[in-house]
């Protein structure tokens, strides 16, 4: 992967994490405690995975070995996926508990 493509992907990931953090702020105000906590755990996991990308990229530019970063990043991506599953479950449960308003 070329430097320009890598930076473009990192910027795109950073934008997505920022959007997730903004959404989590709304959930913290409007959602249940369980949903807010799972949203916070998800955004934390996403931030860690993004930080890994930055570090991985910096090491790659210096010619340092990237196998450790690749493995570490893969583990953090799996963690983020698990936190997304938790968040989705919490959000669905909260929506199921909400009374529906008739129009």
PDB file of N, CA and C in Angstrom:
ATOM      1  N   UNK A   1       0.850  -1.169   0.000  1.00  0.00           N
ATOM      2  CA  UNK A   1       0.000   0.000   0.000  1.00  0.00           C
ATOM      3  C   UNK A   1       0.900   1.237   0.000  1.00  0.00           C
ATOM      4  N   UNK A   2       0.558   2.197  -0.812  1.00  0.00           N
ATOM      5  CA  UNK A   2       1.341   3.427  -0.902  1.00  0.00           C
ATOM      6  C   UNK A   2       0.986   4.384   0.234  1.00  0.00           C
ATOM      7  N   UNK A   3       1.914   5.283   0.527  1.00  0.00           N
ATOM      8  CA  UNK A   3       1.741   6.242   1.620  1.00  0.00           C
ATOM      9  C   UNK A   3       0.449   7.034   1.477  1.00  0.00           C
ATOM     10  N   UNK A   4       0.175   7.541   0.290  1.00  0.00           N
ATOM     11  CA  UNK A   4      -1.019   8.362   0.087  1.00  0.00           C
ATOM     12  C   UNK A   4      -2.297   7.560   0.361  1.00  0.00           C
ATOM     13  N   UNK A   5      -2.338   6.329  -0.103  1.00  0.00           N
ATOM     14  CA  UNK A   5      -3.505   5.475   0.127  1.00  0.00           C
ATOM     15  C   UNK A   5      -3.660   5.150   1.613  1.00  0.00           C
ATOM     16  N   UNK A   6      -2.545   4.869   2.273  1.00  0.00           N
ATOM     17  CA  UNK A   6      -2.588   4.578   3.708  1.00  0.00           C
ATOM     18  C   UNK A   6      -3.109   5.781   4.489  1.00  0.00           C
ATOM     19  N   UNK A   7      -2.620   6.960   4.167  1.00  0.00           N
ATOM     20  CA  UNK A   7      -3.075   8.165   4.871  1.00  0.00           C
ATOM     21  C   UNK A   7      -4.553   8.428   4.606  1.00  0.00           C
ATOM     22  N   UNK A   8      -5.006   8.175   3.396  1.00  0.00           N
ATOM     23  CA  UNK A   8      -6.415   8.363   3.065  1.00  0.00           C
ATOM     24  C   UNK A   8      -7.290   7.418   3.885  1.00  0.00           C
ATOM     25  N   UNK A   9      -6.851   6.181   4.029  1.00  0.00           N
ATOM     26  CA  UNK A   9      -7.607   5.213   4.827  1.00  0.00           C
ATOM     27  C   UNK A   9      -7.607   5.583   6.304  1.00  0.00           C
ATOM     28  N   UNK A  10      -6.484   6.066   6.794  1.00  0.00           N
ATOM     29  CA  UNK A  10      -6.411   6.471   8.195  1.00  0.00           C
ATOM     30  C   UNK A  10      -7.320   7.671   8.441  1.00  0.00           C
ATOM     31  N   UNK A  11      -7.328   8.633   7.533  1.00  0.00           N
ATOM     32  CA  UNK A  11      -8.216   9.803   7.682  1.00  0.00           C
ATOM     33  C   UNK A  11      -9.684   9.371   7.655  1.00  0.00           C
ATOM     34  N   UNK A  12     -10.022   8.437   6.765  1.00  0.00           N
ATOM     35  CA  UNK A  12     -11.400   7.951   6.703  1.00  0.00           C
ATOM     36  C   UNK A  12     -11.781   7.264   8.017  1.00  0.00           C
ATOM     37  N   UNK A  13     -10.876   6.461   8.552  1.00  0.00           N
ATOM     38  CA  UNK A  13     -11.141   5.794   9.835  1.00  0.00           C
ATOM     39  C   UNK A  13     -11.294   6.820  10.949  1.00  0.00           C
ATOM     40  N   UNK A  14     -10.465   7.834  10.945  1.00  0.00           N
ATOM     41  CA  UNK A  14     -10.540   8.882  11.962  1.00  0.00           C
ATOM     42  C   UNK A  14     -11.883   9.605  11.885  1.00  0.00           C
ATOM     43  N   UNK A  15     -12.373   9.875  10.688  1.00  0.00           N
ATOM     44  CA  UNK A  15     -13.676  10.523  10.524  1.00  0.00           C
ATOM     45  C   UNK A  15     -14.799   9.642  11.060  1.00  0.00           C
ATOM     46  N   UNK A  16     -14.708   8.345  10.814  1.00  0.00           N
ATOM     47  CA  UNK A  16     -15.737   7.428  11.308  1.00  0.00           C
ATOM     48  C   UNK A  16     -15.727   7.341  12.832  1.00  0.00           C
ATOM     49  N   UNK A  17     -14.550   7.297  13.426  1.00  0.00           N
ATOM     50  CA  UNK A  17     -14.456   7.258  14.890  1.00  0.00           C
ATOM     51  C   UNK A  17     -15.000   8.553  15.483  1.00  0.00           C
ATOM     52  N   UNK A  18     -14.709   9.682  14.852  1.00  0.00           N
ATOM     53  CA  UNK A  18     -15.250  10.965  15.329  1.00  0.00           C
ATOM     54  C   UNK A  18     -16.772  10.972  15.269  1.00  0.00           C
ATOM     55  N   UNK A  19     -17.333  10.448  14.193  1.00  0.00           N
ATOM     56  CA  UNK A  19     -18.790  10.371  14.066  1.00  0.00           C
ATOM     57  C   UNK A  19     -19.377   9.459  15.138  1.00  0.00           C
ATOM     58  N   UNK A  20     -18.705   8.356  15.415  1.00  0.00           N
ATOM     59  CA  UNK A  20     -19.175   7.443  16.459  1.00  0.00           C
ATOM     60  C   UNK A  20     -19.137   8.122  17.824  1.00  0.00           C
ATOM     61  N   UNK A  21     -18.103   8.908  18.074  1.00  0.00           N
ATOM     62  CA  UNK A  21     -18.012   9.617  19.365  1.00  0.00           C
ATOM     63  C   UNK A  21     -19.129  10.651  19.506  1.00  0.00           C
ATOM     64  N   UNK A  22     -19.451  11.352  18.426  1.00  0.00           N
ATOM     65  CA  UNK A  22     -20.554  12.322  18.479  1.00  0.00           C
ATOM     66  C   UNK A  22     -21.880  11.604  18.754  1.00  0.00           C
ATOM     67  N   UNK A  23     -22.092  10.483  18.075  1.00  0.00           N
ATOM     68  CA  UNK A  23     -23.319   9.715  18.290  1.00  0.00           C
ATOM     69  C   UNK A  23     -23.382   9.183  19.720  1.00  0.00           C
ATOM     70  N   UNK A  24     -22.242   8.753  20.245  1.00  0.00           N
ATOM     71  CA  UNK A  24     -22.206   8.238  21.616  1.00  0.00           C
ATOM     72  C   UNK A  24     -22.554   9.343  22.611  1.00  0.00           C
ATOM     73  N   UNK A  25     -22.185  10.569  22.310  1.00  0.00           N
ATOM     74  CA  UNK A  25     -22.543  11.692  23.191  1.00  0.00           C
ATOM     75  C   UNK A  25     -24.054  11.860  23.253  1.00  0.00           C
ATOM     76  N   UNK A  26     -24.712  11.716  22.116  1.00  0.00           N
ATOM     77  CA  UNK A  26     -26.171  11.801  22.083  1.00  0.00           C
ATOM     78  C   UNK A  26     -26.782  10.656  22.870  1.00  0.00           C
ATOM     79  N   UNK A  27     -26.243   9.468  22.700  1.00  0.00           N
ATOM     80  CA  UNK A  27     -26.740   8.300  23.426  1.00  0.00           C
ATOM     81  C   UNK A  27     -26.564   8.495  24.925  1.00  0.00           C
ATOM     82  N   UNK A  28     -25.454   9.093  25.338  1.00  0.00           N
ATOM     83  CA  UNK A  28     -25.205   9.315  26.764  1.00  0.00           C
ATOM     84  C   UNK A  28     -26.275  10.209  27.385  1.00  0.00           C
ATOM     85  N   UNK A  29     -26.786  11.152  26.592  1.00  0.00           N
ATOM     86  CA  UNK A  29     -27.808  12.074  27.098  1.00  0.00           C
ATOM     87  C   UNK A  29     -29.200  11.466  26.997  1.00  0.00           C
ATOM     88  N   UNK A  30     -29.482  10.813  25.874  1.00  0.00           N
ATOM     89  CA  UNK A  30     -30.850  10.369  25.602  1.00  0.00           C
ATOM     90  C   UNK A  30     -31.102   8.890  25.879  1.00  0.00           C
ATOM     91  N   UNK A  31     -30.063   8.101  25.994  1.00  0.00           N
ATOM     92  CA  UNK A  31     -30.234   6.657  26.118  1.00  0.00           C
ATOM     93  C   UNK A  31     -30.209   6.183  27.558  1.00  0.00           C
ATOM     94  N   UNK A  32     -30.452   4.897  27.696  1.00  0.00           N
ATOM     95  CA  UNK A  32     -30.397   4.280  29.015  1.00  0.00           C
ATOM     96  C   UNK A  32     -28.937   4.153  29.444  1.00  0.00           C
ATOM     97  N   UNK A  33     -28.734   3.862  30.714  1.00  0.00           N
ATOM     98  CA  UNK A  33     -27.379   3.694  31.241  1.00  0.00           C
ATOM     99  C   UNK A  33     -26.655   2.561  30.518  1.00  0.00           C
ATOM    100  N   UNK A  34     -27.339   1.442  30.308  1.00  0.00           N
ATOM    101  CA  UNK A  34     -26.708   0.293  29.645  1.00  0.00           C
ATOM    102  C   UNK A  34     -26.275   0.641  28.228  1.00  0.00           C
ATOM    103  N   UNK A  35     -27.127   1.358  27.505  1.00  0.00           N
ATOM    104  CA  UNK A  35     -26.795   1.743  26.129  1.00  0.00           C
ATOM    105  C   UNK A  35     -25.643   2.741  26.135  1.00  0.00           C
ATOM    106  N   UNK A  36     -25.679   3.692  27.049  1.00  0.00           N
ATOM    107  CA  UNK A  36     -24.609   4.689  27.130  1.00  0.00           C
ATOM    108  C   UNK A  36     -23.272   4.032  27.464  1.00  0.00           C
ATOM    109  N   UNK A  37     -23.289   3.084  28.400  1.00  0.00           N
ATOM    110  CA  UNK A  37     -22.042   2.393  28.762  1.00  0.00           C
ATOM    111  C   UNK A  37     -21.506   1.563  27.606  1.00  0.00           C
ATOM    112  N   UNK A  38     -22.387   0.887  26.873  1.00  0.00           N
ATOM    113  CA  UNK A  38     -21.919   0.084  25.744  1.00  0.00           C
ATOM    114  C   UNK A  38     -21.442   0.981  24.605  1.00  0.00           C
ATOM    115  N   UNK A  39     -22.052   2.149  24.430  1.00  0.00           N
ATOM    116  CA  UNK A  39     -21.589   3.100  23.413  1.00  0.00           C
ATOM    117  C   UNK A  39     -20.204   3.625  23.775  1.00  0.00           C
ATOM    118  N   UNK A  40     -19.993   3.906  25.054  1.00  0.00           N
ATOM    119  CA  UNK A  40     -18.686   4.375  25.511  1.00  0.00           C
ATOM    120  C   UNK A  40     -17.615   3.307  25.305  1.00  0.00           C
ATOM    121  N   UNK A  41     -17.944   2.060  25.627  1.00  0.00           N
ATOM    122  CA  UNK A  41     -16.989   0.965  25.431  1.00  0.00           C
ATOM    123  C   UNK A  41     -16.654   0.795  23.954  1.00  0.00           C
ATOM    124  N   UNK A  42     -17.661   0.959  23.096  1.00  0.00           N
ATOM    125  CA  UNK A  42     -17.435   0.850  21.652  1.00  0.00           C
ATOM    126  C   UNK A  42     -16.526   1.956  21.152  1.00  0.00           C
ATOM    127  N   UNK A  43     -16.794   3.205  21.536  1.00  0.00           N
ATOM    128  CA  UNK A  43     -15.950   4.298  21.050  1.00  0.00           C
ATOM    129  C   UNK A  43     -14.532   4.199  21.598  1.00  0.00           C
ATOM    130  N   UNK A  44     -14.388   3.700  22.812  1.00  0.00           N
ATOM    131  CA  UNK A  44     -13.042   3.483  23.361  1.00  0.00           C
ATOM    132  C   UNK A  44     -12.295   2.444  22.534  1.00  0.00           C
ATOM    133  N   UNK A  45     -12.965   1.331  22.230  1.00  0.00           N
ATOM    134  CA  UNK A  45     -12.334   0.272  21.433  1.00  0.00           C
ATOM    135  C   UNK A  45     -11.967   0.777  20.043  1.00  0.00           C
ATOM    136  N   UNK A  46     -12.841   1.569  19.433  1.00  0.00           N
ATOM    137  CA  UNK A  46     -12.542   2.128  18.113  1.00  0.00           C
ATOM    138  C   UNK A  46     -11.346   3.074  18.172  1.00  0.00           C
ATOM    139  N   UNK A  47     -11.283   3.880  19.225  1.00  0.00           N
ATOM    140  CA  UNK A  47     -10.156   4.800  19.391  1.00  0.00           C
ATOM    141  C   UNK A  47      -8.830   4.069  19.539  1.00  0.00           C
ATOM    142  N   UNK A  48      -8.836   2.967  20.272  1.00  0.00           N
ATOM    143  CA  UNK A  48      -7.616   2.173  20.445  1.00  0.00           C
ATOM    144  C   UNK A  48      -7.187   1.576  19.116  1.00  0.00           C
ATOM    145  N   UNK A  49      -8.141   1.041  18.363  1.00  0.00           N
ATOM    146  CA  UNK A  49      -7.809   0.467  17.055  1.00  0.00           C
ATOM    147  C   UNK A  49      -7.261   1.540  16.122  1.00  0.00           C
ATOM    148  N   UNK A  50      -7.823   2.740  16.173  1.00  0.00           N
ATOM    149  CA  UNK A  50      -7.336   3.838  15.339  1.00  0.00           C
ATOM    150  C   UNK A  50      -5.934   4.262  15.759  1.00  0.00           C
ATOM    151  N   UNK A  51      -5.697   4.331  17.048  1.00  0.00           N
ATOM    152  CA  UNK A  51      -4.361   4.670  17.547  1.00  0.00           C
ATOM    153  C   UNK A  51      -3.326   3.671  17.046  1.00  0.00           C
ATOM    154  N   UNK A  52      -3.712   2.400  17.029  1.00  0.00           N
ATOM    155  CA  UNK A  52      -2.824   1.377  16.487  1.00  0.00           C
ATOM    156  C   UNK A  52      -2.473   1.647  15.032  1.00  0.00           C
ATOM    157  N   UNK A  53      -3.462   2.090  14.261  1.00  0.00           N
ATOM    158  CA  UNK A  53      -3.193   2.391  12.852  1.00  0.00           C
ATOM    159  C   UNK A  53      -2.137   3.483  12.720  1.00  0.00           C
ATOM    160  N   UNK A  54      -2.272   4.532  13.517  1.00  0.00           N
ATOM    161  CA  UNK A  54      -1.290   5.618  13.474  1.00  0.00           C
ATOM    162  C   UNK A  54       0.105   5.108  13.833  1.00  0.00           C
ATOM    163  N   UNK A  55       0.203   4.327  14.898  1.00  0.00           N
ATOM    164  CA  UNK A  55       1.497   3.801  15.340  1.00  0.00           C
ATOM    165  C   UNK A  55       2.074   2.835  14.323  1.00  0.00           C
ATOM    166  N   UNK A  56       1.238   1.990  13.773  1.00  0.00           N
ATOM    167  CA  UNK A  56       1.652   1.032  12.758  1.00  0.00           C
ATOM    168  C   UNK A  56       2.222   1.768  11.556  1.00  0.00           C
ATOM    169  N   UNK A  57       1.504   2.796  11.140  1.00  0.00           N
ATOM    170  CA  UNK A  57       1.942   3.583   9.986  1.00  0.00           C
ATOM    171  C   UNK A  57       3.274   4.283  10.271  1.00  0.00           C
ATOM    172  N   UNK A  58       3.405   4.864  11.438  1.00  0.00           N
ATOM    173  CA  UNK A  58       4.651   5.558  11.804  1.00  0.00           C
ATOM    174  C   UNK A  58       5.825   4.582  11.817  1.00  0.00           C
ATOM    175  N   UNK A  59       5.618   3.403  12.380  1.00  0.00           N
ATOM    176  CA  UNK A  59       6.686   2.396  12.388  1.00  0.00           C
ATOM    177  C   UNK A  59       7.032   1.947  10.976  1.00  0.00           C
ATOM    178  N   UNK A  60       6.024   1.828  10.122  1.00  0.00           N
ATOM    179  CA  UNK A  60       6.266   1.429   8.737  1.00  0.00           C
ATOM    180  C   UNK A  60       7.131   2.454   8.020  1.00  0.00           C
ATOM    181  N   UNK A  61       6.877   3.726   8.282  1.00  0.00           N
ATOM    182  CA  UNK A  61       7.664   4.782   7.638  1.00  0.00           C
ATOM    183  C   UNK A  61       9.119   4.740   8.076  1.00  0.00           C
ATOM    184  N   UNK A  62       9.367   4.324   9.320  1.00  0.00           N
ATOM    185  CA  UNK A  62      10.736   4.225   9.837  1.00  0.00           C
ATOM    186  C   UNK A  62      11.397   2.909   9.445  1.00  0.00           C
ATOM    187  N   UNK A  63      10.647   2.040   8.793  1.00  0.00           N
ATOM    188  CA  UNK A  63      11.198   0.751   8.401  1.00  0.00           C
ATOM    189  C   UNK A  63      11.200  -0.270   9.519  1.00  0.00           C
ATOM    190  N   UNK A  64      10.504   0.033  10.606  1.00  0.00           N
ATOM    191  CA  UNK A  64      10.441  -0.901  11.731  1.00  0.00           C
ATOM    192  C   UNK A  64       9.510  -2.057  11.383  1.00  0.00           C
ATOM    193  N   UNK A  65       9.683  -3.164  12.053  1.00  0.00           N
ATOM    194  CA  UNK A  65       8.832  -4.322  11.818  1.00  0.00           C
ATOM    195  C   UNK A  65       7.382  -4.017  12.118  1.00  0.00           C
ATOM    196  N   UNK A  66       6.508  -4.511  11.278  1.00  0.00           N
ATOM    197  CA  UNK A  66       5.090  -4.209  11.455  1.00  0.00           C
ATOM    198  C   UNK A  66       4.267  -5.426  11.845  1.00  0.00           C
ATOM    199  N   UNK A  67       4.895  -6.599  11.956  1.00  0.00           N
ATOM    200  CA  UNK A  67       4.133  -7.801  12.308  1.00  0.00           C
ATOM    201  C   UNK A  67       3.457  -7.667  13.662  1.00  0.00           C
ATOM    202  N   UNK A  68       4.153  -7.089  14.633  1.00  0.00           N
ATOM    203  CA  UNK A  68       3.576  -6.905  15.962  1.00  0.00           C
ATOM    204  C   UNK A  68       2.365  -5.987  15.898  1.00  0.00           C
ATOM    205  N   UNK A  69       2.487  -4.888  15.152  1.00  0.00           N
ATOM    206  CA  UNK A  69       1.365  -3.951  15.027  1.00  0.00           C
ATOM    207  C   UNK A  69       0.182  -4.596  14.328  1.00  0.00           C
ATOM    208  N   UNK A  70       0.469  -5.379  13.293  1.00  0.00           N
ATOM    209  CA  UNK A  70      -0.615  -6.034  12.555  1.00  0.00           C
ATOM    210  C   UNK A  70      -1.381  -6.966  13.499  1.00  0.00           C
ATOM    211  N   UNK A  71      -0.674  -7.756  14.278  1.00  0.00           N
ATOM    212  CA  UNK A  71      -1.322  -8.674  15.213  1.00  0.00           C
ATOM    213  C   UNK A  71      -2.088  -7.918  16.298  1.00  0.00           C
ATOM    214  N   UNK A  72      -1.456  -6.876  16.821  1.00  0.00           N
ATOM    215  CA  UNK A  72      -2.099  -6.082  17.873  1.00  0.00           C
ATOM    216  C   UNK A  72      -3.355  -5.398  17.341  1.00  0.00           C
ATOM    217  N   UNK A  73      -3.237  -4.822  16.144  1.00  0.00           N
ATOM    218  CA  UNK A  73      -4.388  -4.145  15.539  1.00  0.00           C
ATOM    219  C   UNK A  73      -5.518  -5.134  15.279  1.00  0.00           C
ATOM    220  N   UNK A  74      -5.190  -6.320  14.797  1.00  0.00           N
ATOM    221  CA  UNK A  74      -6.210  -7.335  14.534  1.00  0.00           C
ATOM    222  C   UNK A  74      -6.958  -7.681  15.827  1.00  0.00           C
ATOM    223  N   UNK A  75      -6.227  -7.800  16.924  1.00  0.00           N
ATOM    224  CA  UNK A  75      -6.867  -8.092  18.216  1.00  0.00           C
ATOM    225  C   UNK A  75      -7.785  -6.945  18.639  1.00  0.00           C
ATOM    226  N   UNK A  76      -7.363  -5.715  18.412  1.00  0.00           N
ATOM    227  CA  UNK A  76      -8.194  -4.569  18.791  1.00  0.00           C
ATOM    228  C   UNK A  76      -9.413  -4.432  17.886  1.00  0.00           C
ATOM    229  N   UNK A  77      -9.279  -4.810  16.631  1.00  0.00           N
ATOM    230  CA  UNK A  77     -10.444  -4.802  15.744  1.00  0.00           C
ATOM    231  C   UNK A  77     -11.463  -5.840  16.207  1.00  0.00           C
ATOM    232  N   UNK A  78     -10.995  -7.007  16.618  1.00  0.00           N
ATOM    233  CA  UNK A  78     -11.911  -8.020  17.158  1.00  0.00           C
ATOM    234  C   UNK A  78     -12.616  -7.510  18.413  1.00  0.00           C
ATOM    235  N   UNK A  79     -11.879  -6.797  19.257  1.00  0.00           N
ATOM    236  CA  UNK A  79     -12.476  -6.206  20.466  1.00  0.00           C
ATOM    237  C   UNK A  79     -13.544  -5.186  20.083  1.00  0.00           C
ATOM    238  N   UNK A  80     -13.257  -4.355  19.098  1.00  0.00           N
ATOM    239  CA  UNK A  80     -14.230  -3.348  18.651  1.00  0.00           C
ATOM    240  C   UNK A  80     -15.482  -4.028  18.098  1.00  0.00           C
ATOM    241  N   UNK A  81     -15.307  -5.107  17.372  1.00  0.00           N
ATOM    242  CA  UNK A  81     -16.472  -5.843  16.849  1.00  0.00           C
ATOM    243  C   UNK A  81     -17.320  -6.403  17.989  1.00  0.00           C
ATOM    244  N   UNK A  82     -16.671  -6.913  19.018  1.00  0.00           N
ATOM    245  CA  UNK A  82     -17.408  -7.428  20.178  1.00  0.00           C
ATOM    246  C   UNK A  82     -18.164  -6.307  20.876  1.00  0.00           C
ATOM    247  N   UNK A  83     -17.531  -5.137  21.014  1.00  0.00           N
ATOM    248  CA  UNK A  83     -18.198  -4.000  21.651  1.00  0.00           C
ATOM    249  C   UNK A  83     -19.356  -3.499  20.787  1.00  0.00           C
ATOM    250  N   UNK A  84     -19.229  -3.579  19.461  1.00  0.00           N
ATOM    251  CA  UNK A  84     -20.333  -3.203  18.570  1.00  0.00           C
ATOM    252  C   UNK A  84     -21.515  -4.151  18.763  1.00  0.00           C
ATOM    253  N   UNK A  85     -21.223  -5.424  18.896  1.00  0.00           N
ATOM    254  CA  UNK A  85     -22.283  -6.409  19.141  1.00  0.00           C
ATOM    255  C   UNK A  85     -22.977  -6.125  20.468  1.00  0.00           C
ATOM    256  N   UNK A  86     -22.199  -5.802  21.504  1.00  0.00           N
ATOM    257  CA  UNK A  86     -22.778  -5.454  22.806  1.00  0.00           C
ATOM    258  C   UNK A  86     -23.665  -4.218  22.703  1.00  0.00           C
ATOM    259  N   UNK A  87     -23.162  -3.195  21.994  1.00  0.00           N
ATOM    260  CA  UNK A  87     -23.918  -1.957  21.843  1.00  0.00           C
ATOM    261  C   UNK A  87     -25.226  -2.223  21.103  1.00  0.00           C
ATOM    262  N   UNK A  88     -25.151  -2.979  20.022  1.00  0.00           N
ATOM    263  CA  UNK A  88     -26.351  -3.278  19.237  1.00  0.00           C
ATOM    264  C   UNK A  88     -27.375  -4.019  20.091  1.00  0.00           C
ATOM    265  N   UNK A  89     -26.908  -4.976  20.874  1.00  0.00           N
ATOM    266  CA  UNK A  89     -27.818  -5.710  21.758  1.00  0.00           C
ATOM    267  C   UNK A  89     -28.456  -4.808  22.797  1.00  0.00           C
ATOM    268  N   UNK A  90     -27.665  -3.922  23.398  1.00  0.00           N
ATOM    269  CA  UNK A  90     -28.199  -2.990  24.402  1.00  0.00           C
ATOM    270  C   UNK A  90     -29.210  -2.032  23.784  1.00  0.00           C
ATOM    271  N   UNK A  91     -28.886  -1.526  22.612  1.00  0.00           N
ATOM    272  CA  UNK A  91     -29.781  -0.584  21.942  1.00  0.00           C
ATOM    273  C   UNK A  91     -31.097  -1.260  21.559  1.00  0.00           C
ATOM    274  N   UNK A  92     -31.010  -2.474  21.035  1.00  0.00           N
ATOM    275  CA  UNK A  92     -32.234  -3.196  20.673  1.00  0.00           C
ATOM    276  C   UNK A  92     -33.090  -3.483  21.898  1.00  0.00           C
ATOM    277  N   UNK A  93     -32.449  -3.890  22.975  1.00  0.00           N
ATOM    278  CA  UNK A  93     -33.188  -4.169  24.212  1.00  0.00           C
ATOM    279  C   UNK A  93     -33.881  -2.906  24.717  1.00  0.00           C
ATOM    280  N   UNK A  94     -33.180  -1.783  24.644  1.00  0.00           N
ATOM    281  CA  UNK A  94     -33.773  -0.519  25.103  1.00  0.00           C
ATOM    282  C   UNK A  94     -34.964  -0.132  24.227  1.00  0.00           C
ATOM    283  N   UNK A  95     -34.825  -0.333  22.920  1.00  0.00           N
ATOM    284  CA  UNK A  95     -35.934  -0.004  22.020  1.00  0.00           C
ATOM    285  C   UNK A  95     -37.128  -0.927  22.250  1.00  0.00           C
ATOM    286  N   UNK A  96     -36.860  -2.187  22.534  1.00  0.00           N
ATOM    287  CA  UNK A  96     -37.951  -3.132  22.810  1.00  0.00           C
ATOM    288  C   UNK A  96     -38.700  -2.763  24.083  1.00  0.00           C
ATOM    289  N   UNK A  97     -38.014  -2.127  25.033  1.00  0.00           N
ATOM    290  CA  UNK A  97     -38.631  -1.726  26.297  1.00  0.00           C
ATOM    291  C   UNK A  97     -39.412  -0.424  26.180  1.00  0.00           C
ATOM    292  N   UNK A  98     -39.175   0.347  25.116  1.00  0.00           N
ATOM    293  CA  UNK A  98     -39.843   1.635  24.943  1.00  0.00           C
ATOM    294  C   UNK A  98     -41.272   1.428  24.490  1.00  0.00           C
ATOM    295  N   UNK A  99     -42.209   2.164  25.062  1.00  0.00           N
ATOM    296  CA  UNK A  99     -43.596   2.080  24.575  1.00  0.00           C
ATOM    297  C   UNK A  99     -43.698   2.750  23.204  1.00  0.00           C
ATOM    298  N   UNK A 100     -44.462   2.167  22.329  1.00  0.00           N
ATOM    299  CA  UNK A 100     -44.661   2.754  21.002  1.00  0.00           C
ATOM    300  C   UNK A 100     -45.765   3.792  21.094  1.00  0.00           C
ATOM    301  N   UNK A 101     -45.550   4.922  20.423  1.00  0.00           N
ATOM    302  CA  UNK A 101     -46.569   5.969  20.436  1.00  0.00           C
ATOM    303  C   UNK A 101     -47.464   5.788  19.213  1.00  0.00           C
ATOM    304  N   UNK A 102     -48.748   5.824  19.431  1.00  0.00           N
ATOM    305  CA  UNK A 102     -49.704   5.702  18.334  1.00  0.00           C
ATOM    306  C   UNK A 102     -49.937   7.066  17.722  1.00  0.00           C
ATOM    307  N   UNK A 103     -50.041   7.096  16.412  1.00  0.00           N
ATOM    308  CA  UNK A 103     -50.194   8.371  15.695  1.00  0.00           C
ATOM    309  C   UNK A 103     -51.561   8.860  15.567  1.00  0.00           C
TER     310      UNK A 103
END
